PDB file of N, CA and C in Angstrom:
ATOM      1  N   UNK A   1     -14.101  47.175  14.981  1.00  0.00           N
ATOM      2  CA  UNK A   1     -13.276  46.268  14.274  1.00  0.00           C
ATOM      3  C   UNK A   1     -12.865  46.860  12.872  1.00  0.00           C
ATOM      4  N   UNK A   2     -13.549  47.863  12.355  1.00  0.00           N
ATOM      5  CA  UNK A   2     -13.292  48.375  11.117  1.00  0.00           C
ATOM      6  C   UNK A   2     -12.083  49.356  11.109  1.00  0.00           C
ATOM      7  N   UNK A   3     -11.572  49.791  12.274  1.00  0.00           N
ATOM      8  CA  UNK A   3     -10.584  50.809  12.339  1.00  0.00           C
ATOM      9  C   UNK A   3      -9.249  50.346  12.356  1.00  0.00           C
ATOM     10  N   UNK A   4      -9.042  48.973  12.323  1.00  0.00           N
ATOM     11  CA  UNK A   4      -7.723  48.479  12.314  1.00  0.00           C
ATOM     12  C   UNK A   4      -7.551  47.570  11.126  1.00  0.00           C
ATOM     13  N   UNK A   5      -6.351  47.316  10.667  1.00  0.00           N
ATOM     14  CA  UNK A   5      -6.099  46.499   9.412  1.00  0.00           C
ATOM     15  C   UNK A   5      -6.493  44.984   9.738  1.00  0.00           C
ATOM     16  N   UNK A   6      -7.424  44.556   8.955  1.00  0.00           N
ATOM     17  CA  UNK A   6      -7.962  43.202   9.216  1.00  0.00           C
ATOM     18  C   UNK A   6      -7.210  42.198   8.257  1.00  0.00           C
ATOM     19  N   UNK A   7      -6.540  41.174   9.011  1.00  0.00           N
ATOM     20  CA  UNK A   7      -5.817  40.302   8.189  1.00  0.00           C
ATOM     21  C   UNK A   7      -6.708  38.948   8.098  1.00  0.00           C
ATOM     22  N   UNK A   8      -6.503  38.218   7.001  1.00  0.00           N
ATOM     23  CA  UNK A   8      -7.226  37.058   6.690  1.00  0.00           C
ATOM     24  C   UNK A   8      -6.819  35.916   7.808  1.00  0.00           C
ATOM     25  N   UNK A   9      -7.742  35.417   8.558  1.00  0.00           N
ATOM     26  CA  UNK A   9      -7.240  34.440   9.525  1.00  0.00           C
ATOM     27  C   UNK A   9      -6.945  33.143   8.882  1.00  0.00           C
ATOM     28  N   UNK A  10      -7.288  32.926   7.599  1.00  0.00           N
ATOM     29  CA  UNK A  10      -6.920  31.718   6.884  1.00  0.00           C
ATOM     30  C   UNK A  10      -5.579  31.869   6.268  1.00  0.00           C
ATOM     31  N   UNK A  11      -4.599  31.704   7.211  1.00  0.00           N
ATOM     32  CA  UNK A  11      -3.190  31.790   6.737  1.00  0.00           C
ATOM     33  C   UNK A  11      -2.693  30.455   6.267  1.00  0.00           C
ATOM     34  N   UNK A  12      -2.031  30.498   5.160  1.00  0.00           N
ATOM     35  CA  UNK A  12      -1.631  29.273   4.477  1.00  0.00           C
ATOM     36  C   UNK A  12      -0.635  28.544   5.198  1.00  0.00           C
ATOM     37  N   UNK A  13       0.352  29.351   5.793  1.00  0.00           N
ATOM     38  CA  UNK A  13       1.486  28.803   6.620  1.00  0.00           C
ATOM     39  C   UNK A  13       0.836  27.875   7.841  1.00  0.00           C
ATOM     40  N   UNK A  14      -0.186  28.535   8.507  1.00  0.00           N
ATOM     41  CA  UNK A  14      -0.718  27.779   9.611  1.00  0.00           C
ATOM     42  C   UNK A  14      -1.491  26.534   9.211  1.00  0.00           C
ATOM     43  N   UNK A  15      -2.228  26.714   8.018  1.00  0.00           N
ATOM     44  CA  UNK A  15      -2.906  25.529   7.516  1.00  0.00           C
ATOM     45  C   UNK A  15      -2.030  24.334   7.138  1.00  0.00           C
ATOM     46  N   UNK A  16      -0.834  24.668   6.422  1.00  0.00           N
ATOM     47  CA  UNK A  16       0.068  23.671   6.104  1.00  0.00           C
ATOM     48  C   UNK A  16       0.636  22.915   7.313  1.00  0.00           C
ATOM     49  N   UNK A  17       0.978  23.716   8.267  1.00  0.00           N
ATOM     50  CA  UNK A  17       1.591  23.267   9.620  1.00  0.00           C
ATOM     51  C   UNK A  17       0.566  22.325  10.282  1.00  0.00           C
ATOM     52  N   UNK A  18      -0.759  22.793  10.273  1.00  0.00           N
ATOM     53  CA  UNK A  18      -1.752  22.058  10.966  1.00  0.00           C
ATOM     54  C   UNK A  18      -1.860  20.624  10.260  1.00  0.00           C
ATOM     55  N   UNK A  19      -1.972  20.711   8.886  1.00  0.00           N
ATOM     56  CA  UNK A  19      -2.096  19.408   8.133  1.00  0.00           C
ATOM     57  C   UNK A  19      -0.908  18.461   8.345  1.00  0.00           C
ATOM     58  N   UNK A  20       0.265  19.065   8.363  1.00  0.00           N
ATOM     59  CA  UNK A  20       1.494  18.212   8.629  1.00  0.00           C
ATOM     60  C   UNK A  20       1.390  17.616  10.041  1.00  0.00           C
ATOM     61  N   UNK A  21       1.005  18.279  11.043  1.00  0.00           N
ATOM     62  CA  UNK A  21       0.958  17.748  12.357  1.00  0.00           C
ATOM     63  C   UNK A  21      -0.233  16.661  12.457  1.00  0.00           C
ATOM     64  N   UNK A  22      -1.213  16.789  11.588  1.00  0.00           N
ATOM     65  CA  UNK A  22      -2.211  15.751  11.659  1.00  0.00           C
ATOM     66  C   UNK A  22      -1.788  14.527  10.845  1.00  0.00           C
ATOM     67  N   UNK A  23      -1.004  14.836   9.795  1.00  0.00           N
ATOM     68  CA  UNK A  23      -0.542  13.721   8.841  1.00  0.00           C
ATOM     69  C   UNK A  23       0.531  12.883   9.381  1.00  0.00           C
ATOM     70  N   UNK A  24       1.468  13.450  10.064  1.00  0.00           N
ATOM     71  CA  UNK A  24       2.594  12.696  10.564  1.00  0.00           C
ATOM     72  C   UNK A  24       2.244  11.397  11.463  1.00  0.00           C
ATOM     73  N   UNK A  25       1.320  11.504  12.403  1.00  0.00           N
ATOM     74  CA  UNK A  25       1.038  10.288  13.055  1.00  0.00           C
ATOM     75  C   UNK A  25       0.233   9.316  12.222  1.00  0.00           C
ATOM     76  N   UNK A  26      -0.524   9.680  11.226  1.00  0.00           N
ATOM     77  CA  UNK A  26      -1.271   8.910  10.347  1.00  0.00           C
ATOM     78  C   UNK A  26      -0.557   8.182   9.280  1.00  0.00           C
ATOM     79  N   UNK A  27       0.780   8.686   9.050  1.00  0.00           N
ATOM     80  CA  UNK A  27       1.544   8.233   7.917  1.00  0.00           C
ATOM     81  C   UNK A  27       1.707   6.690   7.897  1.00  0.00           C
ATOM     82  N   UNK A  28       2.149   6.008   9.005  1.00  0.00           N
ATOM     83  CA  UNK A  28       2.183   4.574   8.976  1.00  0.00           C
ATOM     84  C   UNK A  28       0.909   3.852   8.675  1.00  0.00           C
ATOM     85  N   UNK A  29      -0.144   4.346   9.100  1.00  0.00           N
ATOM     86  CA  UNK A  29      -1.513   3.699   8.886  1.00  0.00           C
ATOM     87  C   UNK A  29      -1.818   3.892   7.441  1.00  0.00           C
ATOM     88  N   UNK A  30      -1.551   5.082   6.860  1.00  0.00           N
ATOM     89  CA  UNK A  30      -1.921   5.240   5.483  1.00  0.00           C
ATOM     90  C   UNK A  30      -1.053   4.262   4.609  1.00  0.00           C
ATOM     91  N   UNK A  31       0.201   4.258   4.923  1.00  0.00           N
ATOM     92  CA  UNK A  31       1.117   3.308   4.073  1.00  0.00           C
ATOM     93  C   UNK A  31       0.696   1.852   4.239  1.00  0.00           C
ATOM     94  N   UNK A  32       0.232   1.429   5.378  1.00  0.00           N
ATOM     95  CA  UNK A  32      -0.164   0.009   5.564  1.00  0.00           C
ATOM     96  C   UNK A  32      -1.482  -0.197   4.777  1.00  0.00           C
ATOM     97  N   UNK A  33      -2.455   0.751   4.777  1.00  0.00           N
ATOM     98  CA  UNK A  33      -3.628   0.507   3.995  1.00  0.00           C
ATOM     99  C   UNK A  33      -3.357   0.497   2.520  1.00  0.00           C
ATOM    100  N   UNK A  34      -2.380   1.406   2.140  1.00  0.00           N
ATOM    101  CA  UNK A  34      -2.030   1.388   0.628  1.00  0.00           C
ATOM    102  C   UNK A  34      -1.360   0.094   0.233  1.00  0.00           C
ATOM    103  N   UNK A  35      -0.588  -0.467   1.102  1.00  0.00           N
ATOM    104  CA  UNK A  35       0.050  -1.798   0.838  1.00  0.00           C
ATOM    105  C   UNK A  35      -1.048  -2.864   0.870  1.00  0.00           C
ATOM    106  N   UNK A  36      -1.997  -2.803   1.748  1.00  0.00           N
ATOM    107  CA  UNK A  36      -3.084  -3.764   2.015  1.00  0.00           C
ATOM    108  C   UNK A  36      -3.925  -3.801   0.720  1.00  0.00           C
ATOM    109  N   UNK A  37      -4.261  -2.661   0.248  1.00  0.00           N
ATOM    110  CA  UNK A  37      -5.103  -2.661  -1.061  1.00  0.00           C
ATOM    111  C   UNK A  37      -4.271  -2.864  -2.325  1.00  0.00           C
ATOM    112  N   UNK A  38      -2.953  -2.929  -2.245  1.00  0.00           N
ATOM    113  CA  UNK A  38      -2.091  -3.165  -3.329  1.00  0.00           C
ATOM    114  C   UNK A  38      -1.852  -2.031  -4.264  1.00  0.00           C
ATOM    115  N   UNK A  39      -2.044  -0.813  -3.696  1.00  0.00           N
ATOM    116  CA  UNK A  39      -1.813   0.379  -4.579  1.00  0.00           C
ATOM    117  C   UNK A  39      -0.318   0.774  -4.580  1.00  0.00           C
ATOM    118  N   UNK A  40       0.391   0.286  -3.633  1.00  0.00           N
ATOM    119  CA  UNK A  40       1.913   0.411  -3.709  1.00  0.00           C
ATOM    120  C   UNK A  40       2.464  -0.999  -3.625  1.00  0.00           C
ATOM    121  N   UNK A  41       3.641  -1.223  -4.309  1.00  0.00           N
ATOM    122  CA  UNK A  41       4.173  -2.494  -4.402  1.00  0.00           C
ATOM    123  C   UNK A  41       5.295  -2.710  -3.477  1.00  0.00           C
ATOM    124  N   UNK A  42       5.208  -2.124  -2.345  1.00  0.00           N
ATOM    125  CA  UNK A  42       6.421  -2.371  -1.333  1.00  0.00           C
ATOM    126  C   UNK A  42       6.047  -3.534  -0.578  1.00  0.00           C
TER     127      UNK A  42
END
């Protein structure tokens, strides 16, 4: 493993993409909970 260029597996682009794909289905639930607790005034 030491004879080839090792790149960091923790790539920021992949992390952001992964978080977005997790967050998009949860967005309506998060907004409804914020509205329920009164943290947003919509």
